[in-house]
PDB file of N, CA and C in Angstrom:
ATOM      1  N   MET A   1      14.796  32.644  23.826  1.00  0.00           N
ATOM      2  CA  MET A   1      13.610  32.775  23.003  1.00  0.00           C
ATOM      3  C   MET A   1      13.613  31.761  21.868  1.00  0.00           C
ATOM      4  N   VAL A   2      14.785  31.548  21.248  1.00  0.00           N
ATOM      5  CA  VAL A   2      14.889  30.594  20.139  1.00  0.00           C
ATOM      6  C   VAL A   2      14.551  29.194  20.630  1.00  0.00           C
ATOM      7  N   GLU A   3      15.027  28.823  21.821  1.00  0.00           N
ATOM      8  CA  GLU A   3      14.726  27.506  22.363  1.00  0.00           C
ATOM      9  C   GLU A   3      13.227  27.334  22.592  1.00  0.00           C
ATOM     10  N   ALA A   4      12.560  28.369  23.055  1.00  0.00           N
ATOM     11  CA  ALA A   4      11.114  28.303  23.274  1.00  0.00           C
ATOM     12  C   ALA A   4      10.388  28.099  21.953  1.00  0.00           C
ATOM     13  N   CYS A   5      10.826  28.768  20.899  1.00  0.00           N
ATOM     14  CA  CYS A   5      10.209  28.594  19.573  1.00  0.00           C
ATOM     15  C   CYS A   5      10.436  27.191  19.057  1.00  0.00           C
ATOM     16  N   ASP A   6      11.649  26.658  19.262  1.00  0.00           N
ATOM     17  CA  ASP A   6      11.929  25.298  18.829  1.00  0.00           C
ATOM     18  C   ASP A   6      11.061  24.299  19.572  1.00  0.00           C
ATOM     19  N   ALA A   7      10.870  24.513  20.865  1.00  0.00           N
ATOM     20  CA  ALA A   7      10.025  23.618  21.657  1.00  0.00           C
ATOM     21  C   ALA A   7       8.583  23.679  21.186  1.00  0.00           C
ATOM     22  N   LEU A   8       8.092  24.871  20.870  1.00  0.00           N
ATOM     23  CA  LEU A   8       6.721  25.004  20.377  1.00  0.00           C
ATOM     24  C   LEU A   8       6.562  24.322  19.027  1.00  0.00           C
ATOM     25  N   ALA A   9       7.550  24.463  18.159  1.00  0.00           N
ATOM     26  CA  ALA A   9       7.498  23.790  16.865  1.00  0.00           C
ATOM     27  C   ALA A   9       7.485  22.285  17.055  1.00  0.00           C
ATOM     28  N   SER A  10       8.265  21.811  17.991  1.00  0.00           N
ATOM     29  CA  SER A  10       8.313  20.385  18.265  1.00  0.00           C
ATOM     30  C   SER A  10       6.970  19.870  18.780  1.00  0.00           C
ATOM     31  N   ILE A  11       6.333  20.630  19.636  1.00  0.00           N
ATOM     32  CA  ILE A  11       5.011  20.245  20.145  1.00  0.00           C
ATOM     33  C   ILE A  11       3.998  20.234  19.002  1.00  0.00           C
ATOM     34  N   ALA A  12       4.052  21.224  18.146  1.00  0.00           N
ATOM     35  CA  ALA A  12       3.128  21.290  17.013  1.00  0.00           C
ATOM     36  C   ALA A  12       3.366  20.137  16.053  1.00  0.00           C
ATOM     37  N   GLN A  13       4.629  19.804  15.805  1.00  0.00           N
ATOM     38  CA  GLN A  13       4.925  18.675  14.929  1.00  0.00           C
ATOM     39  C   GLN A  13       4.484  17.358  15.560  1.00  0.00           C
ATOM     40  N   THR A  14       4.672  17.238  16.855  1.00  0.00           N
ATOM     41  CA  THR A  14       4.219  16.032  17.553  1.00  0.00           C
ATOM     42  C   THR A  14       2.710  15.909  17.466  1.00  0.00           C
ATOM     43  N   ARG A  15       2.019  17.008  17.665  1.00  0.00           N
ATOM     44  CA  ARG A  15       0.555  17.021  17.553  1.00  0.00           C
ATOM     45  C   ARG A  15       0.127  16.558  16.163  1.00  0.00           C
ATOM     46  N   THR A  16       0.788  17.086  15.145  1.00  0.00           N
ATOM     47  CA  THR A  16       0.482  16.714  13.762  1.00  0.00           C
ATOM     48  C   THR A  16       0.724  15.229  13.528  1.00  0.00           C
ATOM     49  N   ALA A  17       1.858  14.733  13.994  1.00  0.00           N
ATOM     50  CA  ALA A  17       2.188  13.321  13.803  1.00  0.00           C
ATOM     51  C   ALA A  17       1.195  12.413  14.513  1.00  0.00           C
ATOM     52  N   VAL A  18       0.788  12.786  15.711  1.00  0.00           N
ATOM     53  CA  VAL A  18      -0.162  11.962  16.466  1.00  0.00           C
ATOM     54  C   VAL A  18      -1.511  11.908  15.760  1.00  0.00           C
ATOM     55  N   VAL A  19      -1.996  13.033  15.291  1.00  0.00           N
ATOM     56  CA  VAL A  19      -3.275  13.037  14.570  1.00  0.00           C
ATOM     57  C   VAL A  19      -3.182  12.162  13.322  1.00  0.00           C
ATOM     58  N   ASN A  20      -2.098  12.310  12.571  1.00  0.00           N
ATOM     59  CA  ASN A  20      -1.919  11.492  11.379  1.00  0.00           C
ATOM     60  C   ASN A  20      -1.792  10.011  11.720  1.00  0.00           C
ATOM     61  N   MET A  21      -1.157   9.696  12.844  1.00  0.00           N
ATOM     62  CA  MET A  21      -1.018   8.306  13.255  1.00  0.00           C
ATOM     63  C   MET A  21      -2.371   7.711  13.633  1.00  0.00           C
ATOM     64  N   VAL A  22      -3.174   8.462  14.348  1.00  0.00           N
ATOM     65  CA  VAL A  22      -4.518   7.981  14.714  1.00  0.00           C
ATOM     66  C   VAL A  22      -5.337   7.701  13.453  1.00  0.00           C
ATOM     67  N   VAL A  23      -5.272   8.587  12.483  1.00  0.00           N
ATOM     68  CA  VAL A  23      -6.012   8.399  11.234  1.00  0.00           C
ATOM     69  C   VAL A  23      -5.483   7.182  10.478  1.00  0.00           C
ATOM     70  N   ALA A  24      -4.177   7.011  10.416  1.00  0.00           N
ATOM     71  CA  ALA A  24      -3.589   5.879   9.701  1.00  0.00           C
ATOM     72  C   ALA A  24      -3.947   4.552  10.364  1.00  0.00           C
ATOM     73  N   VAL A  25      -3.872   4.496  11.690  1.00  0.00           N
ATOM     74  CA  VAL A  25      -4.219   3.268  12.406  1.00  0.00           C
ATOM     75  C   VAL A  25      -5.718   2.978  12.255  1.00  0.00           C
ATOM     76  N   ALA A  26      -6.540   3.999  12.311  1.00  0.00           N
ATOM     77  CA  ALA A  26      -7.978   3.797  12.116  1.00  0.00           C
ATOM     78  C   ALA A  26      -8.271   3.269  10.718  1.00  0.00           C
ATOM     79  N   SER A  27      -7.561   3.753   9.731  1.00  0.00           N
ATOM     80  CA  SER A  27      -7.743   3.256   8.363  1.00  0.00           C
ATOM     81  C   SER A  27      -7.304   1.795   8.258  1.00  0.00           C
ATOM     82  N   ALA A  28      -6.173   1.459   8.856  1.00  0.00           N
ATOM     83  CA  ALA A  28      -5.697   0.067   8.852  1.00  0.00           C
ATOM     84  C   ALA A  28      -6.693  -0.837   9.567  1.00  0.00           C
ATOM     85  N   TYR A  29      -7.229  -0.372  10.680  1.00  0.00           N
ATOM     86  CA  TYR A  29      -8.205  -1.155  11.434  1.00  0.00           C
ATOM     87  C   TYR A  29      -9.491  -1.340  10.621  1.00  0.00           C
ATOM     88  N   LEU A  30      -9.904  -0.306   9.932  1.00  0.00           N
ATOM     89  CA  LEU A  30     -11.092  -0.393   9.081  1.00  0.00           C
ATOM     90  C   LEU A  30     -10.894  -1.425   7.985  1.00  0.00           C
ATOM     91  N   ILE A  31      -9.750  -1.420   7.350  1.00  0.00           N
ATOM     92  CA  ILE A  31      -9.449  -2.413   6.318  1.00  0.00           C
ATOM     93  C   ILE A  31      -9.497  -3.809   6.907  1.00  0.00           C
ATOM     94  N   ASN A  32      -8.946  -3.959   8.086  1.00  0.00           N
ATOM     95  CA  ASN A  32      -8.817  -5.269   8.702  1.00  0.00           C
ATOM     96  C   ASN A  32     -10.117  -5.804   9.266  1.00  0.00           C
ATOM     97  N   CYS A  33     -10.986  -4.957   9.716  1.00  0.00           N
ATOM     98  CA  CYS A  33     -12.188  -5.417  10.410  1.00  0.00           C
ATOM     99  C   CYS A  33     -13.397  -5.613   9.496  1.00  0.00           C
ATOM    100  N   ARG A  34     -13.157  -5.751   8.218  1.00  0.00           N
ATOM    101  CA  ARG A  34     -14.257  -6.095   7.324  1.00  0.00           C
ATOM    102  C   ARG A  34     -14.742  -7.497   7.635  1.00  0.00           C
ATOM    103  N   SER A  35     -13.878  -8.313   8.196  1.00  0.00           N
ATOM    104  CA  SER A  35     -14.244  -9.649   8.637  1.00  0.00           C
ATOM    105  C   SER A  35     -13.555  -9.909   9.963  1.00  0.00           C
ATOM    106  N   LEU A  36     -14.291 -10.508  10.902  1.00  0.00           N
ATOM    107  CA  LEU A  36     -13.699 -10.813  12.206  1.00  0.00           C
ATOM    108  C   LEU A  36     -12.971 -12.153  12.203  1.00  0.00           C
ATOM    109  N   ARG A  37     -13.133 -12.931  11.116  1.00  0.00           N
ATOM    110  CA  ARG A  37     -12.513 -14.251  11.065  1.00  0.00           C
ATOM    111  C   ARG A  37     -11.514 -14.420   9.923  1.00  0.00           C
ATOM    112  N   HIS A  38     -11.752 -13.765   8.806  1.00  0.00           N
ATOM    113  CA  HIS A  38     -10.929 -13.984   7.623  1.00  0.00           C
ATOM    114  C   HIS A  38      -9.850 -12.912   7.488  1.00  0.00           C
ATOM    115  N   SER A  39      -8.737 -13.331   6.946  1.00  0.00           N
ATOM    116  CA  SER A  39      -7.609 -12.433   6.737  1.00  0.00           C
ATOM    117  C   SER A  39      -7.930 -11.384   5.682  1.00  0.00           C
ATOM    118  N   VAL A  40      -7.274 -10.251   5.789  1.00  0.00           N
ATOM    119  CA  VAL A  40      -7.398  -9.189   4.789  1.00  0.00           C
ATOM    120  C   VAL A  40      -7.039  -9.737   3.412  1.00  0.00           C
ATOM    121  N   LEU A  41      -6.006 -10.545   3.345  1.00  0.00           N
ATOM    122  CA  LEU A  41      -5.551 -11.080   2.067  1.00  0.00           C
ATOM    123  C   LEU A  41      -6.555 -12.042   1.456  1.00  0.00           C
ATOM    124  N   SER A  42      -7.273 -12.792   2.278  1.00  0.00           N
ATOM    125  CA  SER A  42      -8.253 -13.732   1.730  1.00  0.00           C
ATOM    126  C   SER A  42      -9.536 -13.030   1.278  1.00  0.00           C
ATOM    127  N   LEU A  43      -9.819 -11.867   1.814  1.00  0.00           N
ATOM    128  CA  LEU A  43     -11.024 -11.127   1.423  1.00  0.00           C
ATOM    129  C   LEU A  43     -10.863 -10.421   0.087  1.00  0.00           C
ATOM    130  N   GLY A  44      -9.664 -10.047  -0.229  1.00  0.00           N
ATOM    131  CA  GLY A  44      -9.435  -9.225  -1.413  1.00  0.00           C
ATOM    132  C   GLY A  44      -9.529  -7.761  -1.021  1.00  0.00           C
ATOM    133  N   PHE A  45      -8.573  -7.009  -1.465  1.00  0.00           N
ATOM    134  CA  PHE A  45      -8.473  -5.613  -1.022  1.00  0.00           C
ATOM    135  C   PHE A  45      -9.548  -4.722  -1.641  1.00  0.00           C
ATOM    136  N   PHE A  46      -9.998  -5.039  -2.839  1.00  0.00           N
ATOM    137  CA  PHE A  46     -10.905  -4.153  -3.573  1.00  0.00           C
ATOM    138  C   PHE A  46     -12.373  -4.579  -3.476  1.00  0.00           C
ATOM    139  N   THR A  47     -12.730  -5.336  -2.460  1.00  0.00           N
ATOM    140  CA  THR A  47     -14.107  -5.831  -2.344  1.00  0.00           C
ATOM    141  C   THR A  47     -15.081  -4.806  -1.780  1.00  0.00           C
ATOM    142  N   ASN A  48     -14.584  -3.724  -1.219  1.00  0.00           N
ATOM    143  CA  ASN A  48     -15.462  -2.708  -0.661  1.00  0.00           C
ATOM    144  C   ASN A  48     -15.051  -1.330  -1.200  1.00  0.00           C
ATOM    145  N   PRO A  49     -15.617  -0.941  -2.355  1.00  0.00           N
ATOM    146  CA  PRO A  49     -15.181   0.318  -2.964  1.00  0.00           C
ATOM    147  C   PRO A  49     -15.504   1.554  -2.133  1.00  0.00           C
ATOM    148  N   ARG A  50     -16.601   1.540  -1.381  1.00  0.00           N
ATOM    149  CA  ARG A  50     -16.921   2.713  -0.540  1.00  0.00           C
ATOM    150  C   ARG A  50     -15.864   2.930   0.532  1.00  0.00           C
ATOM    151  N   MET A  51     -15.409   1.841   1.113  1.00  0.00           N
ATOM    152  CA  MET A  51     -14.360   1.953   2.115  1.00  0.00           C
ATOM    153  C   MET A  51     -13.097   2.529   1.478  1.00  0.00           C
ATOM    154  N   LEU A  52     -12.749   2.029   0.306  1.00  0.00           N
ATOM    155  CA  LEU A  52     -11.554   2.521  -0.378  1.00  0.00           C
ATOM    156  C   LEU A  52     -11.686   3.987  -0.748  1.00  0.00           C
ATOM    157  N   HIS A  53     -12.870   4.414  -1.170  1.00  0.00           N
ATOM    158  CA  HIS A  53     -13.082   5.830  -1.479  1.00  0.00           C
ATOM    159  C   HIS A  53     -12.913   6.687  -0.230  1.00  0.00           C
ATOM    160  N   GLY A  54     -13.444   6.214   0.894  1.00  0.00           N
ATOM    161  CA  GLY A  54     -13.299   6.953   2.149  1.00  0.00           C
ATOM    162  C   GLY A  54     -11.848   7.066   2.584  1.00  0.00           C
ATOM    163  N   ILE A  55     -11.106   5.974   2.455  1.00  0.00           N
ATOM    164  CA  ILE A  55      -9.693   5.994   2.821  1.00  0.00           C
ATOM    165  C   ILE A  55      -8.910   6.886   1.856  1.00  0.00           C
ATOM    166  N   ALA A  56      -9.259   6.838   0.573  1.00  0.00           N
ATOM    167  CA  ALA A  56      -8.589   7.704  -0.409  1.00  0.00           C
ATOM    168  C   ALA A  56      -8.866   9.179  -0.123  1.00  0.00           C
ATOM    169  N   LEU A  57     -10.110   9.500   0.230  1.00  0.00           N
ATOM    170  CA  LEU A  57     -10.437  10.883   0.573  1.00  0.00           C
ATOM    171  C   LEU A  57      -9.659  11.327   1.809  1.00  0.00           C
ATOM    172  N   THR A  58      -9.594  10.458   2.788  1.00  0.00           N
ATOM    173  CA  THR A  58      -8.812  10.758   3.989  1.00  0.00           C
ATOM    174  C   THR A  58      -7.345  10.952   3.633  1.00  0.00           C
ATOM    175  N   GLY A  59      -6.834  10.081   2.759  1.00  0.00           N
ATOM    176  CA  GLY A  59      -5.450  10.193   2.314  1.00  0.00           C
ATOM    177  C   GLY A  59      -5.175  11.489   1.579  1.00  0.00           C
ATOM    178  N   PHE A  60      -6.183  12.016   0.901  1.00  0.00           N
ATOM    179  CA  PHE A  60      -6.048  13.307   0.223  1.00  0.00           C
ATOM    180  C   PHE A  60      -6.083  14.457   1.223  1.00  0.00           C
ATOM    181  N   LEU A  61      -6.940  14.350   2.234  1.00  0.00           N
ATOM    182  CA  LEU A  61      -7.121  15.447   3.184  1.00  0.00           C
ATOM    183  C   LEU A  61      -6.016  15.531   4.240  1.00  0.00           C
ATOM    184  N   GLN A  62      -5.376  14.423   4.567  1.00  0.00           N
ATOM    185  CA  GLN A  62      -4.344  14.455   5.603  1.00  0.00           C
ATOM    186  C   GLN A  62      -3.169  15.360   5.227  1.00  0.00           C
ATOM    187  N   PRO A  63      -2.676  15.336   3.996  1.00  0.00           N
ATOM    188  CA  PRO A  63      -1.617  16.303   3.654  1.00  0.00           C
ATOM    189  C   PRO A  63      -2.099  17.752   3.722  1.00  0.00           C
ATOM    190  N   VAL A  64      -3.361  17.986   3.427  1.00  0.00           N
ATOM    191  CA  VAL A  64      -3.901  19.347   3.568  1.00  0.00           C
ATOM    192  C   VAL A  64      -3.837  19.752   5.038  1.00  0.00           C
ATOM    193  N   PHE A  65      -4.292  18.865   5.914  1.00  0.00           N
ATOM    194  CA  PHE A  65      -4.221  19.115   7.352  1.00  0.00           C
ATOM    195  C   PHE A  65      -2.773  19.345   7.784  1.00  0.00           C
ATOM    196  N   THR A  66      -1.859  18.569   7.219  1.00  0.00           N
ATOM    197  CA  THR A  66      -0.470  18.595   7.662  1.00  0.00           C
ATOM    198  C   THR A  66       0.314  19.789   7.124  1.00  0.00           C
ATOM    199  N   TYR A  67       0.080  20.167   5.871  1.00  0.00           N
ATOM    200  CA  TYR A  67       0.964  21.139   5.227  1.00  0.00           C
ATOM    201  C   TYR A  67       0.333  22.489   4.883  1.00  0.00           C
ATOM    202  N   ALA A  68      -0.982  22.612   4.909  1.00  0.00           N
ATOM    203  CA  ALA A  68      -1.605  23.903   4.575  1.00  0.00           C
ATOM    204  C   ALA A  68      -1.367  24.902   5.708  1.00  0.00           C
ATOM    205  N   PRO A  69      -0.775  26.038   5.411  1.00  0.00           N
ATOM    206  CA  PRO A  69      -0.475  27.026   6.464  1.00  0.00           C
ATOM    207  C   PRO A  69      -1.714  27.450   7.259  1.00  0.00           C
ATOM    208  N   VAL A  70      -2.847  27.588   6.594  1.00  0.00           N
ATOM    209  CA  VAL A  70      -4.053  27.993   7.318  1.00  0.00           C
ATOM    210  C   VAL A  70      -4.453  26.923   8.343  1.00  0.00           C
ATOM    211  N   MET A  71      -4.301  25.654   7.983  1.00  0.00           N
ATOM    212  CA  MET A  71      -4.624  24.575   8.924  1.00  0.00           C
ATOM    213  C   MET A  71      -3.622  24.561  10.077  1.00  0.00           C
ATOM    214  N   ASN A  72      -2.360  24.822   9.775  1.00  0.00           N
ATOM    215  CA  ASN A  72      -1.343  24.876  10.828  1.00  0.00           C
ATOM    216  C   ASN A  72      -1.653  25.965  11.848  1.00  0.00           C
ATOM    217  N   ARG A  73      -2.093  27.125  11.358  1.00  0.00           N
ATOM    218  CA  ARG A  73      -2.430  28.223  12.269  1.00  0.00           C
ATOM    219  C   ARG A  73      -3.688  27.900  13.076  1.00  0.00           C
ATOM    220  N   LEU A  74      -4.718  27.398  12.402  1.00  0.00           N
ATOM    221  CA  LEU A  74      -5.989  27.125  13.095  1.00  0.00           C
ATOM    222  C   LEU A  74      -5.882  25.997  14.116  1.00  0.00           C
ATOM    223  N   LEU A  75      -5.126  24.964  13.780  1.00  0.00           N
ATOM    224  CA  LEU A  75      -5.083  23.765  14.623  1.00  0.00           C
ATOM    225  C   LEU A  75      -3.797  23.633  15.428  1.00  0.00           C
ATOM    226  N   HIS A  76      -2.936  24.650  15.343  1.00  0.00           N
ATOM    227  CA  HIS A  76      -1.667  24.660  16.087  1.00  0.00           C
ATOM    228  C   HIS A  76      -0.835  23.421  15.768  1.00  0.00           C
ATOM    229  N   THR A  77      -0.722  23.129  14.473  1.00  0.00           N
ATOM    230  CA  THR A  77       0.078  22.018  14.000  1.00  0.00           C
ATOM    231  C   THR A  77       1.254  22.560  13.200  1.00  0.00           C
ATOM    232  N   ALA A  78       2.116  21.657  12.762  1.00  0.00           N
ATOM    233  CA  ALA A  78       3.276  22.049  11.953  1.00  0.00           C
ATOM    234  C   ALA A  78       3.575  20.913  10.985  1.00  0.00           C
ATOM    235  N   PRO A  79       4.148  21.235   9.851  1.00  0.00           N
ATOM    236  CA  PRO A  79       4.509  20.189   8.889  1.00  0.00           C
ATOM    237  C   PRO A  79       5.472  19.175   9.508  1.00  0.00           C
ATOM    238  N   ILE A  80       5.378  17.945   9.041  1.00  0.00           N
ATOM    239  CA  ILE A  80       6.271  16.882   9.511  1.00  0.00           C
ATOM    240  C   ILE A  80       7.101  16.374   8.332  1.00  0.00           C
ATOM    241  N   ASP A  81       8.214  15.733   8.658  1.00  0.00           N
ATOM    242  CA  ASP A  81       9.118  15.274   7.602  1.00  0.00           C
ATOM    243  C   ASP A  81       8.823  13.833   7.211  1.00  0.00           C
ATOM    244  N   ALA A  82       9.582  13.336   6.235  1.00  0.00           N
ATOM    245  CA  ALA A  82       9.378  11.985   5.711  1.00  0.00           C
ATOM    246  C   ALA A  82       9.624  10.922   6.775  1.00  0.00           C
ATOM    247  N   THR A  83      10.548  11.178   7.678  1.00  0.00           N
ATOM    248  CA  THR A  83      10.819  10.213   8.745  1.00  0.00           C
ATOM    249  C   THR A  83       9.584  10.010   9.615  1.00  0.00           C
ATOM    250  N   ALA A  84       8.896  11.082   9.931  1.00  0.00           N
ATOM    251  CA  ALA A  84       7.666  10.967  10.725  1.00  0.00           C
ATOM    252  C   ALA A  84       6.620  10.150   9.970  1.00  0.00           C
ATOM    253  N   TRP A  85       6.503  10.387   8.657  1.00  0.00           N
ATOM    254  CA  TRP A  85       5.548   9.613   7.853  1.00  0.00           C
ATOM    255  C   TRP A  85       5.914   8.133   7.844  1.00  0.00           C
ATOM    256  N   LEU A  86       7.202   7.815   7.794  1.00  0.00           N
ATOM    257  CA  LEU A  86       7.621   6.403   7.839  1.00  0.00           C
ATOM    258  C   LEU A  86       7.255   5.762   9.171  1.00  0.00           C
ATOM    259  N   HIS A  87       7.419   6.506  10.258  1.00  0.00           N
ATOM    260  CA  HIS A  87       7.011   5.987  11.570  1.00  0.00           C
ATOM    261  C   HIS A  87       5.504   5.768  11.619  1.00  0.00           C
ATOM    262  N   ILE A  88       4.749   6.702  11.086  1.00  0.00           N
ATOM    263  CA  ILE A  88       3.285   6.588  11.059  1.00  0.00           C
ATOM    264  C   ILE A  88       2.879   5.353  10.267  1.00  0.00           C
ATOM    265  N   LEU A  89       3.468   5.166   9.107  1.00  0.00           N
ATOM    266  CA  LEU A  89       3.163   3.999   8.286  1.00  0.00           C
ATOM    267  C   LEU A  89       3.536   2.712   9.018  1.00  0.00           C
ATOM    268  N   GLY A  90       4.671   2.715   9.685  1.00  0.00           N
ATOM    269  CA  GLY A  90       5.096   1.536  10.445  1.00  0.00           C
ATOM    270  C   GLY A  90       4.127   1.175  11.550  1.00  0.00           C
ATOM    271  N   VAL A  91       3.635   2.153  12.263  1.00  0.00           N
ATOM    272  CA  VAL A  91       2.674   1.892  13.338  1.00  0.00           C
ATOM    273  C   VAL A  91       1.353   1.367  12.763  1.00  0.00           C
ATOM    274  N   ALA A  92       0.916   1.927  11.641  1.00  0.00           N
ATOM    275  CA  ALA A  92      -0.326   1.469  11.012  1.00  0.00           C
ATOM    276  C   ALA A  92      -0.193   0.020  10.538  1.00  0.00           C
ATOM    277  N   VAL A  93       0.945  -0.314   9.936  1.00  0.00           N
ATOM    278  CA  VAL A  93       1.174  -1.696   9.491  1.00  0.00           C
ATOM    279  C   VAL A  93       1.241  -2.633  10.689  1.00  0.00           C
ATOM    280  N   ALA A  94       1.884  -2.199  11.760  1.00  0.00           N
ATOM    281  CA  ALA A  94       1.952  -3.014  12.980  1.00  0.00           C
ATOM    282  C   ALA A  94       0.556  -3.254  13.547  1.00  0.00           C
ATOM    283  N   ALA A  95      -0.296  -2.247  13.540  1.00  0.00           N
ATOM    284  CA  ALA A  95      -1.667  -2.415  14.024  1.00  0.00           C
ATOM    285  C   ALA A  95      -2.424  -3.417  13.154  1.00  0.00           C
ATOM    286  N   LEU A  96      -2.249  -3.316  11.855  1.00  0.00           N
ATOM    287  CA  LEU A  96      -2.889  -4.252  10.936  1.00  0.00           C
ATOM    288  C   LEU A  96      -2.433  -5.680  11.222  1.00  0.00           C
ATOM    289  N   MET A  97      -1.133  -5.858  11.437  1.00  0.00           N
ATOM    290  CA  MET A  97      -0.595  -7.194  11.702  1.00  0.00           C
ATOM    291  C   MET A  97      -1.054  -7.739  13.055  1.00  0.00           C
ATOM    292  N   MET A  98      -1.198  -6.866  14.051  1.00  0.00           N
ATOM    293  CA  MET A  98      -1.672  -7.331  15.361  1.00  0.00           C
ATOM    294  C   MET A  98      -3.109  -7.840  15.282  1.00  0.00           C
ATOM    295  N   VAL A  99      -3.952  -7.150  14.546  1.00  0.00           N
ATOM    296  CA  VAL A  99      -5.335  -7.605  14.405  1.00  0.00           C
ATOM    297  C   VAL A  99      -5.373  -8.906  13.619  1.00  0.00           C
ATOM    298  N   GLU A 100      -4.536  -9.044  12.595  1.00  0.00           N
ATOM    299  CA  GLU A 100      -4.457 -10.292  11.835  1.00  0.00           C
ATOM    300  C   GLU A 100      -4.024 -11.435  12.753  1.00  0.00           C
ATOM    301  N   LEU A 101      -3.047 -11.172  13.620  1.00  0.00           N
ATOM    302  CA  LEU A 101      -2.591 -12.191  14.561  1.00  0.00           C
ATOM    303  C   LEU A 101      -3.702 -12.575  15.519  1.00  0.00           C
ATOM    304  N   GLU A 102      -4.446 -11.599  16.003  1.00  0.00           N
ATOM    305  CA  GLU A 102      -5.566 -11.890  16.894  1.00  0.00           C
ATOM    306  C   GLU A 102      -6.602 -12.765  16.193  1.00  0.00           C
ATOM    307  N   LYS A 103      -6.907 -12.479  14.941  1.00  0.00           N
ATOM    308  CA  LYS A 103      -7.848 -13.306  14.178  1.00  0.00           C
ATOM    309  C   LYS A 103      -7.341 -14.741  14.082  1.00  0.00           C
ATOM    310  N   LYS A 104      -6.050 -14.893  13.794  1.00  0.00           N
ATOM    311  CA  LYS A 104      -5.447 -16.223  13.662  1.00  0.00           C
ATOM    312  C   LYS A 104      -5.554 -16.991  14.981  1.00  0.00           C
ATOM    313  N   ILE A 105      -5.281 -16.324  16.080  1.00  0.00           N
ATOM    314  CA  ILE A 105      -5.365 -16.968  17.394  1.00  0.00           C
ATOM    315  C   ILE A 105      -6.803 -17.372  17.697  1.00  0.00           C
ATOM    316  N   GLN A 106      -7.760 -16.484  17.395  1.00  0.00           N
ATOM    317  CA  GLN A 106      -9.173 -16.790  17.654  1.00  0.00           C
ATOM    318  C   GLN A 106      -9.648 -17.983  16.814  1.00  0.00           C
ATOM    319  N   CYS A 107      -9.167 -18.099  15.595  1.00  0.00           N
ATOM    320  CA  CYS A 107      -9.571 -19.229  14.734  1.00  0.00           C
ATOM    321  C   CYS A 107      -8.990 -20.540  15.212  1.00  0.00           C
ATOM    322  N   MET A 108      -7.863 -20.503  15.907  1.00  0.00           N
ATOM    323  CA  MET A 108      -7.234 -21.720  16.394  1.00  0.00           C
ATOM    324  C   MET A 108      -7.951 -22.266  17.631  1.00  0.00           C
ATOM    325  N   ARG A 109      -8.741 -21.474  18.273  1.00  0.00           N
ATOM    326  CA  ARG A 109      -9.440 -21.913  19.497  1.00  0.00           C
ATOM    327  C   ARG A 109     -10.652 -22.727  19.166  1.00  0.00           C
TER     328      ARG A 109
END
């Protein structure tokens, strides 16, 4: 029985991590796709305040989704640890860098 509970917790934590990863990658992609040709760094990070407000609101709501017991019960999720958050951040940064690389390749053509 204990093993079954551990497996269910693992599935719930995986579900939570995947949802958070999708949101993080979508936010990175949103930041990056403000221009199809210019780098994020050349555009300036604070040039679109509405986008930043939306990402900040999402950043506020994701911990609620992740750690609020009522959300865990309703959505069959479970809290995740700092290591999972580091992996999520790493994947989001990798997605941002891949789109930047694609822009660079397209400009060279």
